[in-house]
Amino acid sequence: MTHLGTIEHVKAIYALCCKLPPFDKIQMPTPSQIQWVIVHDHELLGMYQPSPHTITISLARQSHFDTICRTVLHEMVHMLLYLQNKANYEKHDKTFKKWTAKIAAIYGYDPKEL
């Protein structure tokens, strides 16, 4: 079985998500403008840090395309809120949940999984 846990695979998933709704209408950083980190931390699925743009993906609790894609989408919402100058971009507040509900509706995900 091919392992999807390389930085190149995660960057490809991000690039794909940028070409699909709702991110296709938003100016998101290109994969090369983001620092990518792969870790094996059981306490973490993913994390976004803004300066510089960094997305960390933990493979300790995920290895399938679907799970990694949901994590990338989740971190993309944090990045989007940061780019929109939202003070609480790192919080899972009402604005964050509005975006994850929209994404869940598009892709058939449970909003609580994003």
N, C-alpha and C. Protein backbone atom coordinates (compact mmCIF):
# COMPACT_ATOMS: atom_id res chain seq x y z
N MET A 1 0.83 -1.18 0.00
CA MET A 1 0.00 0.00 0.00
C MET A 1 0.88 1.25 0.00
N THR A 2 0.54 2.19 -0.84
CA THR A 2 1.29 3.43 -0.93
C THR A 2 0.93 4.35 0.23
N HIS A 3 1.93 4.89 0.87
CA HIS A 3 1.75 5.79 2.00
C HIS A 3 1.59 7.22 1.48
N LEU A 4 0.54 7.92 1.91
CA LEU A 4 0.28 9.29 1.45
C LEU A 4 0.87 10.34 2.37
N GLY A 5 1.80 9.96 3.20
CA GLY A 5 2.29 10.86 4.22
C GLY A 5 3.55 11.63 3.88
N THR A 6 3.79 11.90 2.62
CA THR A 6 4.95 12.72 2.30
C THR A 6 4.52 14.18 2.16
N ILE A 7 5.46 15.06 2.28
CA ILE A 7 5.16 16.48 2.09
C ILE A 7 4.61 16.72 0.68
N GLU A 8 5.17 16.05 -0.30
CA GLU A 8 4.69 16.23 -1.68
C GLU A 8 3.23 15.80 -1.82
N HIS A 9 2.84 14.72 -1.16
CA HIS A 9 1.44 14.29 -1.21
C HIS A 9 0.53 15.31 -0.54
N VAL A 10 0.93 15.80 0.61
CA VAL A 10 0.11 16.77 1.33
C VAL A 10 0.01 18.07 0.53
N LYS A 11 1.09 18.50 -0.08
CA LYS A 11 1.06 19.69 -0.94
C LYS A 11 0.12 19.48 -2.12
N ALA A 12 0.10 18.29 -2.68
CA ALA A 12 -0.80 17.98 -3.81
C ALA A 12 -2.26 18.03 -3.36
N ILE A 13 -2.54 17.52 -2.17
CA ILE A 13 -3.90 17.58 -1.63
C ILE A 13 -4.31 19.04 -1.44
N TYR A 14 -3.42 19.84 -0.88
CA TYR A 14 -3.70 21.27 -0.70
C TYR A 14 -3.95 21.94 -2.05
N ALA A 15 -3.10 21.67 -3.03
CA ALA A 15 -3.26 22.28 -4.36
C ALA A 15 -4.60 21.89 -4.98
N LEU A 16 -5.00 20.63 -4.81
CA LEU A 16 -6.31 20.19 -5.30
C LEU A 16 -7.42 20.96 -4.60
N CYS A 17 -7.35 21.06 -3.28
CA CYS A 17 -8.39 21.77 -2.53
C CYS A 17 -8.48 23.24 -2.95
N CYS A 18 -7.38 23.83 -3.32
CA CYS A 18 -7.38 25.23 -3.78
C CYS A 18 -8.12 25.39 -5.11
N LYS A 19 -8.22 24.33 -5.87
CA LYS A 19 -8.88 24.38 -7.18
C LYS A 19 -10.36 24.03 -7.11
N LEU A 20 -10.82 23.62 -5.91
CA LEU A 20 -12.21 23.21 -5.72
C LEU A 20 -12.92 24.20 -4.81
N PRO A 21 -14.28 24.23 -4.90
CA PRO A 21 -15.03 25.12 -4.02
C PRO A 21 -14.80 24.77 -2.55
N PRO A 22 -14.86 25.73 -1.66
CA PRO A 22 -15.05 27.16 -1.90
C PRO A 22 -13.74 27.91 -2.14
N PHE A 23 -12.61 27.21 -2.07
CA PHE A 23 -11.32 27.88 -2.14
C PHE A 23 -10.94 28.33 -3.55
N ASP A 24 -11.63 27.82 -4.57
CA ASP A 24 -11.32 28.22 -5.94
C ASP A 24 -11.66 29.69 -6.21
N LYS A 25 -12.46 30.29 -5.35
CA LYS A 25 -12.84 31.70 -5.49
C LYS A 25 -12.05 32.61 -4.56
N ILE A 26 -11.07 32.04 -3.87
CA ILE A 26 -10.32 32.77 -2.84
C ILE A 26 -8.84 32.73 -3.20
N GLN A 27 -8.15 33.82 -3.02
CA GLN A 27 -6.71 33.87 -3.27
C GLN A 27 -5.97 33.26 -2.09
N MET A 28 -5.66 31.98 -2.21
CA MET A 28 -4.91 31.28 -1.16
C MET A 28 -3.44 31.23 -1.56
N PRO A 29 -2.54 31.13 -0.59
CA PRO A 29 -1.12 30.97 -0.94
C PRO A 29 -0.91 29.69 -1.76
N THR A 30 0.06 29.73 -2.63
CA THR A 30 0.39 28.52 -3.39
C THR A 30 1.11 27.54 -2.46
N PRO A 31 1.14 26.27 -2.82
CA PRO A 31 1.85 25.31 -1.96
C PRO A 31 3.31 25.71 -1.69
N SER A 32 3.95 26.34 -2.66
CA SER A 32 5.35 26.73 -2.47
C SER A 32 5.52 27.93 -1.53
N GLN A 33 4.43 28.62 -1.24
CA GLN A 33 4.48 29.75 -0.31
C GLN A 33 4.23 29.33 1.13
N ILE A 34 4.04 28.04 1.33
CA ILE A 34 3.74 27.49 2.66
C ILE A 34 4.87 26.57 3.08
N GLN A 35 5.21 26.64 4.34
CA GLN A 35 6.16 25.66 4.89
C GLN A 35 5.33 24.47 5.36
N TRP A 36 5.77 23.28 4.98
CA TRP A 36 5.05 22.05 5.29
C TRP A 36 5.87 21.22 6.27
N VAL A 37 5.19 20.72 7.29
CA VAL A 37 5.85 19.92 8.30
C VAL A 37 5.03 18.65 8.52
N ILE A 38 5.69 17.50 8.49
CA ILE A 38 5.06 16.23 8.80
C ILE A 38 5.63 15.76 10.14
N VAL A 39 4.74 15.45 11.08
CA VAL A 39 5.16 14.96 12.40
C VAL A 39 4.37 13.69 12.72
N HIS A 40 4.74 13.07 13.81
CA HIS A 40 4.03 11.89 14.32
C HIS A 40 3.67 12.15 15.78
N ASP A 41 2.72 13.07 15.97
CA ASP A 41 2.30 13.51 17.30
C ASP A 41 0.88 13.01 17.54
N HIS A 42 0.70 12.16 18.53
CA HIS A 42 -0.61 11.58 18.81
C HIS A 42 -1.62 12.59 19.35
N GLU A 43 -1.17 13.75 19.74
CA GLU A 43 -2.05 14.79 20.28
C GLU A 43 -2.56 15.74 19.19
N LEU A 44 -2.17 15.52 17.94
CA LEU A 44 -2.39 16.51 16.89
C LEU A 44 -2.83 15.82 15.61
N LEU A 45 -3.76 16.44 14.89
CA LEU A 45 -4.06 16.04 13.51
C LEU A 45 -3.36 17.00 12.56
N GLY A 46 -3.55 18.30 12.84
CA GLY A 46 -2.92 19.32 12.01
C GLY A 46 -2.85 20.63 12.77
N MET A 47 -2.10 21.57 12.20
CA MET A 47 -1.96 22.88 12.83
C MET A 47 -1.55 23.89 11.76
N TYR A 48 -2.12 25.09 11.87
CA TYR A 48 -1.73 26.19 11.00
C TYR A 48 -1.07 27.26 11.85
N GLN A 49 0.06 27.76 11.37
CA GLN A 49 0.75 28.89 11.99
C GLN A 49 0.96 29.94 10.89
N PRO A 50 0.69 31.21 11.20
CA PRO A 50 0.65 32.22 10.15
C PRO A 50 1.96 32.87 9.72
N SER A 51 2.97 32.89 10.55
CA SER A 51 4.12 33.72 10.19
C SER A 51 5.44 32.96 10.36
N PRO A 52 5.96 32.39 9.31
CA PRO A 52 5.42 32.31 7.95
C PRO A 52 4.32 31.24 7.88
N HIS A 53 3.54 31.29 6.81
CA HIS A 53 2.48 30.28 6.64
C HIS A 53 3.10 28.89 6.79
N THR A 54 2.60 28.15 7.77
CA THR A 54 3.10 26.80 8.02
C THR A 54 1.91 25.90 8.31
N ILE A 55 1.85 24.78 7.62
CA ILE A 55 0.84 23.77 7.91
C ILE A 55 1.58 22.51 8.34
N THR A 56 1.22 22.06 9.54
CA THR A 56 1.79 20.84 10.10
C THR A 56 0.72 19.77 10.04
N ILE A 57 1.09 18.60 9.56
CA ILE A 57 0.19 17.45 9.51
C ILE A 57 0.83 16.33 10.31
N SER A 58 0.07 15.79 11.26
CA SER A 58 0.56 14.65 12.03
C SER A 58 0.01 13.37 11.43
N LEU A 59 0.91 12.43 11.21
CA LEU A 59 0.50 11.14 10.66
C LEU A 59 0.33 10.08 11.74
N ALA A 60 0.39 10.48 12.99
CA ALA A 60 0.24 9.52 14.08
C ALA A 60 -1.18 8.96 14.14
N ARG A 61 -2.17 9.78 13.75
CA ARG A 61 -3.57 9.36 13.84
C ARG A 61 -4.30 9.39 12.50
N GLN A 62 -3.57 9.52 11.41
CA GLN A 62 -4.20 9.54 10.09
C GLN A 62 -3.21 9.10 9.02
N SER A 63 -3.72 8.39 8.02
CA SER A 63 -2.85 7.97 6.92
C SER A 63 -3.62 7.83 5.61
N HIS A 64 -4.94 7.92 5.65
CA HIS A 64 -5.75 7.76 4.44
C HIS A 64 -6.02 9.12 3.80
N PHE A 65 -6.24 9.09 2.50
CA PHE A 65 -6.50 10.32 1.75
C PHE A 65 -7.62 11.14 2.38
N ASP A 66 -8.74 10.49 2.67
CA ASP A 66 -9.91 11.20 3.17
C ASP A 66 -9.60 11.94 4.47
N THR A 67 -8.93 11.28 5.39
CA THR A 67 -8.62 11.90 6.68
C THR A 67 -7.63 13.04 6.52
N ILE A 68 -6.59 12.81 5.73
CA ILE A 68 -5.60 13.88 5.50
C ILE A 68 -6.26 15.05 4.79
N CYS A 69 -7.13 14.77 3.82
CA CYS A 69 -7.82 15.84 3.10
C CYS A 69 -8.68 16.67 4.05
N ARG A 70 -9.42 16.02 4.95
CA ARG A 70 -10.23 16.76 5.94
C ARG A 70 -9.35 17.63 6.83
N THR A 71 -8.20 17.09 7.21
CA THR A 71 -7.29 17.88 8.05
C THR A 71 -6.74 19.07 7.28
N VAL A 72 -6.36 18.87 6.04
CA VAL A 72 -5.87 19.98 5.21
C VAL A 72 -6.96 21.03 5.05
N LEU A 73 -8.19 20.62 4.77
CA LEU A 73 -9.30 21.57 4.64
C LEU A 73 -9.50 22.35 5.94
N HIS A 74 -9.42 21.66 7.06
CA HIS A 74 -9.55 22.31 8.36
C HIS A 74 -8.49 23.40 8.54
N GLU A 75 -7.25 23.06 8.22
CA GLU A 75 -6.17 24.04 8.38
C GLU A 75 -6.30 25.17 7.37
N MET A 76 -6.86 24.87 6.21
CA MET A 76 -7.09 25.91 5.20
C MET A 76 -8.11 26.93 5.71
N VAL A 77 -9.08 26.49 6.48
CA VAL A 77 -10.04 27.44 7.05
C VAL A 77 -9.33 28.37 8.03
N HIS A 78 -8.46 27.82 8.87
CA HIS A 78 -7.69 28.69 9.78
C HIS A 78 -6.88 29.70 8.97
N MET A 79 -6.23 29.24 7.89
CA MET A 79 -5.43 30.14 7.06
C MET A 79 -6.31 31.21 6.42
N LEU A 80 -7.46 30.81 5.89
CA LEU A 80 -8.38 31.76 5.28
C LEU A 80 -8.80 32.84 6.26
N LEU A 81 -9.14 32.44 7.48
CA LEU A 81 -9.55 33.42 8.49
C LEU A 81 -8.41 34.36 8.83
N TYR A 82 -7.19 33.84 8.88
CA TYR A 82 -6.03 34.70 9.11
C TYR A 82 -5.88 35.70 7.96
N LEU A 83 -6.00 35.22 6.72
CA LEU A 83 -5.87 36.09 5.55
C LEU A 83 -6.96 37.16 5.51
N GLN A 84 -8.09 36.87 6.12
CA GLN A 84 -9.20 37.83 6.20
C GLN A 84 -9.07 38.73 7.43
N ASN A 85 -7.92 38.66 8.09
CA ASN A 85 -7.64 39.48 9.27
C ASN A 85 -8.58 39.24 10.43
N LYS A 86 -9.02 38.00 10.57
CA LYS A 86 -9.86 37.65 11.72
C LYS A 86 -8.96 37.46 12.94
N ALA A 87 -9.27 38.17 14.01
CA ALA A 87 -8.43 38.14 15.21
C ALA A 87 -8.36 36.75 15.82
N ASN A 88 -9.42 35.99 15.70
CA ASN A 88 -9.49 34.67 16.32
C ASN A 88 -9.36 33.56 15.28
N TYR A 89 -8.47 33.74 14.32
CA TYR A 89 -8.32 32.75 13.24
C TYR A 89 -8.02 31.35 13.77
N GLU A 90 -7.42 31.26 14.94
CA GLU A 90 -7.03 29.95 15.48
C GLU A 90 -8.17 29.29 16.27
N LYS A 91 -9.23 30.02 16.54
CA LYS A 91 -10.35 29.50 17.34
C LYS A 91 -11.37 28.77 16.46
N HIS A 92 -12.10 27.87 17.09
CA HIS A 92 -13.20 27.17 16.42
C HIS A 92 -14.50 27.86 16.82
N ASP A 93 -14.59 29.13 16.43
CA ASP A 93 -15.74 29.95 16.80
C ASP A 93 -16.83 29.89 15.73
N LYS A 94 -17.79 30.78 15.84
CA LYS A 94 -18.93 30.81 14.92
C LYS A 94 -18.50 31.00 13.46
N THR A 95 -17.55 31.87 13.22
CA THR A 95 -17.07 32.11 11.86
C THR A 95 -16.38 30.87 11.31
N PHE A 96 -15.55 30.25 12.12
CA PHE A 96 -14.87 29.02 11.70
C PHE A 96 -15.90 27.94 11.38
N LYS A 97 -16.88 27.78 12.24
CA LYS A 97 -17.89 26.74 12.04
C LYS A 97 -18.76 27.01 10.82
N LYS A 98 -18.96 28.28 10.49
CA LYS A 98 -19.71 28.63 9.28
C LYS A 98 -18.97 28.11 8.05
N TRP A 99 -17.65 28.32 8.02
CA TRP A 99 -16.85 27.85 6.89
C TRP A 99 -16.78 26.33 6.83
N THR A 100 -16.60 25.69 7.98
CA THR A 100 -16.52 24.22 7.95
C THR A 100 -17.86 23.60 7.58
N ALA A 101 -18.96 24.24 7.98
CA ALA A 101 -20.29 23.74 7.57
C ALA A 101 -20.46 23.85 6.06
N LYS A 102 -19.98 24.94 5.48
CA LYS A 102 -20.05 25.13 4.03
C LYS A 102 -19.24 24.03 3.32
N ILE A 103 -18.04 23.79 3.80
CA ILE A 103 -17.18 22.76 3.19
C ILE A 103 -17.80 21.38 3.37
N ALA A 104 -18.33 21.12 4.55
CA ALA A 104 -18.96 19.82 4.81
C ALA A 104 -20.13 19.59 3.86
N ALA A 105 -20.92 20.62 3.61
CA ALA A 105 -22.06 20.50 2.70
C ALA A 105 -21.60 20.21 1.26
N ILE A 106 -20.52 20.83 0.86
CA ILE A 106 -20.01 20.61 -0.50
C ILE A 106 -19.50 19.19 -0.68
N TYR A 107 -18.76 18.69 0.30
CA TYR A 107 -18.06 17.40 0.14
C TYR A 107 -18.71 16.23 0.87
N GLY A 108 -19.82 16.47 1.54
CA GLY A 108 -20.51 15.38 2.22
C GLY A 108 -19.84 14.92 3.50
N TYR A 109 -19.09 15.81 4.11
CA TYR A 109 -18.46 15.50 5.39
C TYR A 109 -19.37 15.88 6.55
N ASP A 110 -19.15 15.27 7.66
CA ASP A 110 -19.78 15.67 8.91
C ASP A 110 -19.06 16.94 9.37
N PRO A 111 -19.80 18.05 9.58
CA PRO A 111 -19.11 19.29 9.99
C PRO A 111 -18.29 19.13 11.27
N LYS A 112 -18.67 18.18 12.12
CA LYS A 112 -17.91 17.96 13.36
C LYS A 112 -16.58 17.27 13.09
N GLU A 113 -16.40 16.73 11.88
CA GLU A 113 -15.13 16.10 11.52
C GLU A 113 -14.16 17.09 10.91
N LEU A 114 -14.62 18.28 10.62
CA LEU A 114 -13.73 19.30 10.09
C LEU A 114 -13.34 20.18 11.24
